[in-house]
């Protein structure tokens, strides 16, 4: 059962990271609407992440695991509120952008830890995807201004 939870966590982490990369890349080459639609799989990852939190006590997960998954869920809630409903335009308020970015990188960085429970291959690929999303996030911001 723990192996199954580890694979669910690794898959969710990879979907989040790959979708983030696609979102950043598409925002640079297309309109914001295209990048907006690629973010939907990220939002859907709230379901497996909540499942992982519910099952975590039975898997005897450490406190850090709860922090990692919870931080990603907090970012997903923030993402929903600012980009989907009610679509709060926060990108012109510096402290809000900084908070959003910090929670994003905290959550996605935590997903490396979640993916690592499934094995070395999952860890390496999560680190590579995280670094790619890190670079693309800042490149996209400098190219598009949002």
C-alpha atoms as a PDB file:
ATOM      1  CA  UNK A   1       0.000   0.000   0.000  1.00  0.00           C
ATOM      2  CA  UNK A   2       2.810   2.433   0.811  1.00  0.00           C
ATOM      3  CA  UNK A   3       4.359   1.743  -2.591  1.00  0.00           C
ATOM      4  CA  UNK A   4       1.083   2.767  -4.227  1.00  0.00           C
ATOM      5  CA  UNK A   5       0.988   6.007  -2.221  1.00  0.00           C
ATOM      6  CA  UNK A   6       4.580   6.733  -3.202  1.00  0.00           C
ATOM      7  CA  UNK A   7       3.747   6.288  -6.900  1.00  0.00           C
ATOM      8  CA  UNK A   8       0.645   8.477  -6.616  1.00  0.00           C
ATOM      9  CA  UNK A   9       2.777  11.188  -5.012  1.00  0.00           C
ATOM     10  CA  UNK A  10       5.503  10.884  -7.627  1.00  0.00           C
ATOM     11  CA  UNK A  11       3.000  11.005 -10.485  1.00  0.00           C
ATOM     12  CA  UNK A  12       1.229  14.041  -8.988  1.00  0.00           C
ATOM     13  CA  UNK A  13       4.555  15.809  -8.504  1.00  0.00           C
ATOM     14  CA  UNK A  14       5.551  15.168 -12.104  1.00  0.00           C
ATOM     15  CA  UNK A  15       2.199  16.311 -13.482  1.00  0.00           C
ATOM     16  CA  UNK A  16       2.502  19.531 -11.478  1.00  0.00           C
ATOM     17  CA  UNK A  17       6.050  20.162 -12.648  1.00  0.00           C
ATOM     18  CA  UNK A  18       5.450  19.284 -16.315  1.00  0.00           C
ATOM     19  CA  UNK A  19       2.262  21.360 -16.403  1.00  0.00           C
ATOM     20  CA  UNK A  20       4.138  24.284 -14.866  1.00  0.00           C
ATOM     21  CA  UNK A  21       6.831  24.033 -17.525  1.00  0.00           C
ATOM     22  CA  UNK A  22       4.209  23.915 -20.281  1.00  0.00           C
ATOM     23  CA  UNK A  23       2.362  26.873 -18.783  1.00  0.00           C
ATOM     24  CA  UNK A  24       5.498  29.022 -18.605  1.00  0.00           C
ATOM     25  CA  UNK A  25       6.629  28.041 -22.103  1.00  0.00           C
ATOM     26  CA  UNK A  26       3.230  28.631 -23.685  1.00  0.00           C
ATOM     27  CA  UNK A  27       2.880  32.024 -22.013  1.00  0.00           C
ATOM     28  CA  UNK A  28       6.047  33.108 -23.806  1.00  0.00           C
ATOM     29  CA  UNK A  29       4.981  31.982 -27.279  1.00  0.00           C
ATOM     30  CA  UNK A  30       1.188  32.277 -27.195  1.00  0.00           C
ATOM     31  CA  UNK A  31      -1.476  34.298 -25.470  1.00  0.00           C
ATOM     32  CA  UNK A  32      -2.144  33.944 -21.760  1.00  0.00           C
ATOM     33  CA  UNK A  33      -5.293  31.898 -22.399  1.00  0.00           C
ATOM     34  CA  UNK A  34      -3.288  28.989 -23.765  1.00  0.00           C
ATOM     35  CA  UNK A  35      -1.019  28.961 -20.744  1.00  0.00           C
ATOM     36  CA  UNK A  36      -4.089  29.289 -18.561  1.00  0.00           C
ATOM     37  CA  UNK A  37      -5.589  26.044 -19.888  1.00  0.00           C
ATOM     38  CA  UNK A  38      -2.393  24.086 -19.290  1.00  0.00           C
ATOM     39  CA  UNK A  39      -2.675  24.997 -15.619  1.00  0.00           C
ATOM     40  CA  UNK A  40      -5.864  23.009 -15.175  1.00  0.00           C
ATOM     41  CA  UNK A  41      -4.042  19.669 -14.676  1.00  0.00           C
ATOM     42  CA  UNK A  42      -2.129  21.369 -11.874  1.00  0.00           C
ATOM     43  CA  UNK A  43      -5.378  22.273 -10.126  1.00  0.00           C
ATOM     44  CA  UNK A  44      -6.673  18.731 -10.545  1.00  0.00           C
ATOM     45  CA  UNK A  45      -3.675  17.446  -8.589  1.00  0.00           C
ATOM     46  CA  UNK A  46      -5.384  18.741  -5.454  1.00  0.00           C
ATOM     47  CA  UNK A  47      -7.403  15.507  -5.436  1.00  0.00           C
ATOM     48  CA  UNK A  48      -4.461  13.090  -5.172  1.00  0.00           C
ATOM     49  CA  UNK A  49      -2.645  15.451  -2.803  1.00  0.00           C
ATOM     50  CA  UNK A  50      -5.607  15.504  -0.412  1.00  0.00           C
ATOM     51  CA  UNK A  51      -5.759  11.711  -0.706  1.00  0.00           C
ATOM     52  CA  UNK A  52      -2.064  11.520   0.196  1.00  0.00           C
ATOM     53  CA  UNK A  53      -2.647  13.692   3.261  1.00  0.00           C
ATOM     54  CA  UNK A  54      -5.587  11.550   4.378  1.00  0.00           C
ATOM     55  CA  UNK A  55      -3.533   8.361   3.981  1.00  0.00           C
ATOM     56  CA  UNK A  56      -0.322   9.805   5.454  1.00  0.00           C
ATOM     57  CA  UNK A  57      -0.953   8.765   9.083  1.00  0.00           C
ATOM     58  CA  UNK A  58      -1.343   5.111   8.047  1.00  0.00           C
ATOM     59  CA  UNK A  59       1.920   5.334   6.104  1.00  0.00           C
ATOM     60  CA  UNK A  60       3.689   6.869   9.127  1.00  0.00           C
ATOM     61  CA  UNK A  61       4.850   9.892   7.184  1.00  0.00           C
ATOM     62  CA  UNK A  62       7.117  12.410   8.921  1.00  0.00           C
ATOM     63  CA  UNK A  63       6.021  15.965   9.681  1.00  0.00           C
ATOM     64  CA  UNK A  64       8.015  17.256   6.706  1.00  0.00           C
ATOM     65  CA  UNK A  65       5.791  15.244   4.359  1.00  0.00           C
ATOM     66  CA  UNK A  66       2.693  16.986   5.715  1.00  0.00           C
ATOM     67  CA  UNK A  67       4.381  20.360   5.232  1.00  0.00           C
ATOM     68  CA  UNK A  68       5.419  19.539   1.652  1.00  0.00           C
ATOM     69  CA  UNK A  69       1.980  18.358   0.555  1.00  0.00           C
ATOM     70  CA  UNK A  70       0.148  21.095   2.472  1.00  0.00           C
ATOM     71  CA  UNK A  71       2.307  23.831   0.986  1.00  0.00           C
ATOM     72  CA  UNK A  72       1.508  22.592  -2.509  1.00  0.00           C
ATOM     73  CA  UNK A  73      -2.196  22.547  -1.628  1.00  0.00           C
ATOM     74  CA  UNK A  74      -1.980  26.110  -0.301  1.00  0.00           C
ATOM     75  CA  UNK A  75      -0.444  27.193  -3.596  1.00  0.00           C
ATOM     76  CA  UNK A  76      -3.163  25.378  -5.550  1.00  0.00           C
ATOM     77  CA  UNK A  77      -5.793  27.279  -3.568  1.00  0.00           C
ATOM     78  CA  UNK A  78      -3.975  30.546  -4.241  1.00  0.00           C
ATOM     79  CA  UNK A  79      -3.704  29.677  -7.939  1.00  0.00           C
ATOM     80  CA  UNK A  80      -7.413  28.956  -8.139  1.00  0.00           C
ATOM     81  CA  UNK A  81      -8.312  32.235  -6.443  1.00  0.00           C
ATOM     82  CA  UNK A  82      -6.066  34.448  -8.539  1.00  0.00           C
ATOM     83  CA  UNK A  83      -6.196  32.762 -11.960  1.00  0.00           C
ATOM     84  CA  UNK A  84      -9.523  30.944 -12.138  1.00  0.00           C
ATOM     85  CA  UNK A  85     -12.134  32.209  -9.718  1.00  0.00           C
ATOM     86  CA  UNK A  86     -12.654  35.035  -8.804  1.00  0.00           C
ATOM     87  CA  UNK A  87      -9.595  35.944 -10.922  1.00  0.00           C
ATOM     88  CA  UNK A  88      -8.002  38.490  -8.660  1.00  0.00           C
ATOM     89  CA  UNK A  89      -5.451  40.557 -10.569  1.00  0.00           C
ATOM     90  CA  UNK A  90      -2.544  40.441  -8.164  1.00  0.00           C
ATOM     91  CA  UNK A  91       0.380  40.678 -10.573  1.00  0.00           C
ATOM     92  CA  UNK A  92       0.751  44.434 -10.145  1.00  0.00           C
ATOM     93  CA  UNK A  93       1.142  44.195  -6.359  1.00  0.00           C
ATOM     94  CA  UNK A  94       4.730  43.286  -5.585  1.00  0.00           C
ATOM     95  CA  UNK A  95       4.229  41.657  -2.164  1.00  0.00           C
ATOM     96  CA  UNK A  96       1.452  39.454  -3.570  1.00  0.00           C
ATOM     97  CA  UNK A  97       3.628  38.331  -6.478  1.00  0.00           C
ATOM     98  CA  UNK A  98       6.508  37.565  -4.122  1.00  0.00           C
ATOM     99  CA  UNK A  99       4.229  35.575  -1.798  1.00  0.00           C
ATOM    100  CA  UNK A 100       2.753  33.674  -4.741  1.00  0.00           C
ATOM    101  CA  UNK A 101       6.198  32.832  -6.147  1.00  0.00           C
ATOM    102  CA  UNK A 102       7.631  31.815  -2.765  1.00  0.00           C
ATOM    103  CA  UNK A 103       4.711  29.477  -2.071  1.00  0.00           C
ATOM    104  CA  UNK A 104       4.952  28.092  -5.634  1.00  0.00           C
ATOM    105  CA  UNK A 105       8.631  27.231  -5.273  1.00  0.00           C
ATOM    106  CA  UNK A 106       8.117  25.941  -1.740  1.00  0.00           C
ATOM    107  CA  UNK A 107       5.310  23.689  -2.946  1.00  0.00           C
ATOM    108  CA  UNK A 108       7.039  22.459  -6.081  1.00  0.00           C
ATOM    109  CA  UNK A 109      10.290  22.001  -4.180  1.00  0.00           C
ATOM    110  CA  UNK A 110       8.360  19.940  -1.663  1.00  0.00           C
ATOM    111  CA  UNK A 111       7.086  17.826  -4.526  1.00  0.00           C
ATOM    112  CA  UNK A 112      10.674  16.700  -5.066  1.00  0.00           C
ATOM    113  CA  UNK A 113      10.566  15.206  -1.574  1.00  0.00           C
ATOM    114  CA  UNK A 114       7.213  13.560  -2.253  1.00  0.00           C
ATOM    115  CA  UNK A 115       8.483  12.110  -5.560  1.00  0.00           C
ATOM    116  CA  UNK A 116      11.677  10.890  -3.894  1.00  0.00           C
ATOM    117  CA  UNK A 117       9.699   8.381  -1.844  1.00  0.00           C
ATOM    118  CA  UNK A 118       9.049   6.428  -5.067  1.00  0.00           C
ATOM    119  CA  UNK A 119      12.748   5.947  -5.795  1.00  0.00           C
ATOM    120  CA  UNK A 120      15.920   7.404  -7.226  1.00  0.00           C
ATOM    121  CA  UNK A 121      14.644   7.715 -10.812  1.00  0.00           C
ATOM    122  CA  UNK A 122      11.616   9.696  -9.689  1.00  0.00           C
ATOM    123  CA  UNK A 123      13.868  11.928  -7.585  1.00  0.00           C
ATOM    124  CA  UNK A 124      16.262  12.715 -10.419  1.00  0.00           C
ATOM    125  CA  UNK A 125      13.509  13.481 -12.884  1.00  0.00           C
ATOM    126  CA  UNK A 126      11.665  15.650 -10.330  1.00  0.00           C
ATOM    127  CA  UNK A 127      14.835  17.652  -9.655  1.00  0.00           C
ATOM    128  CA  UNK A 128      15.441  18.171 -13.387  1.00  0.00           C
ATOM    129  CA  UNK A 129      11.820  19.224 -13.935  1.00  0.00           C
ATOM    130  CA  UNK A 130      11.930  21.543 -10.917  1.00  0.00           C
ATOM    131  CA  UNK A 131      15.080  23.251 -12.206  1.00  0.00           C
ATOM    132  CA  UNK A 132      13.527  23.641 -15.660  1.00  0.00           C
ATOM    133  CA  UNK A 133      10.388  25.181 -14.168  1.00  0.00           C
ATOM    134  CA  UNK A 134      12.528  27.443 -11.995  1.00  0.00           C
ATOM    135  CA  UNK A 135      14.392  28.836 -14.995  1.00  0.00           C
ATOM    136  CA  UNK A 136      11.282  29.117 -17.161  1.00  0.00           C
ATOM    137  CA  UNK A 137       9.330  30.915 -14.439  1.00  0.00           C
ATOM    138  CA  UNK A 138      11.818  33.774 -14.351  1.00  0.00           C
ATOM    139  CA  UNK A 139      12.422  33.834 -18.097  1.00  0.00           C
ATOM    140  CA  UNK A 140       8.673  33.956 -18.716  1.00  0.00           C
ATOM    141  CA  UNK A 141       8.258  36.766 -16.189  1.00  0.00           C
ATOM    142  CA  UNK A 142      10.993  38.824 -17.828  1.00  0.00           C
ATOM    143  CA  UNK A 143       9.643  38.182 -21.345  1.00  0.00           C
ATOM    144  CA  UNK A 144       5.942  38.725 -20.649  1.00  0.00           C
ATOM    145  CA  UNK A 145       5.907  40.871 -17.527  1.00  0.00           C
ATOM    146  CA  UNK A 146       3.433  38.601 -15.732  1.00  0.00           C
END
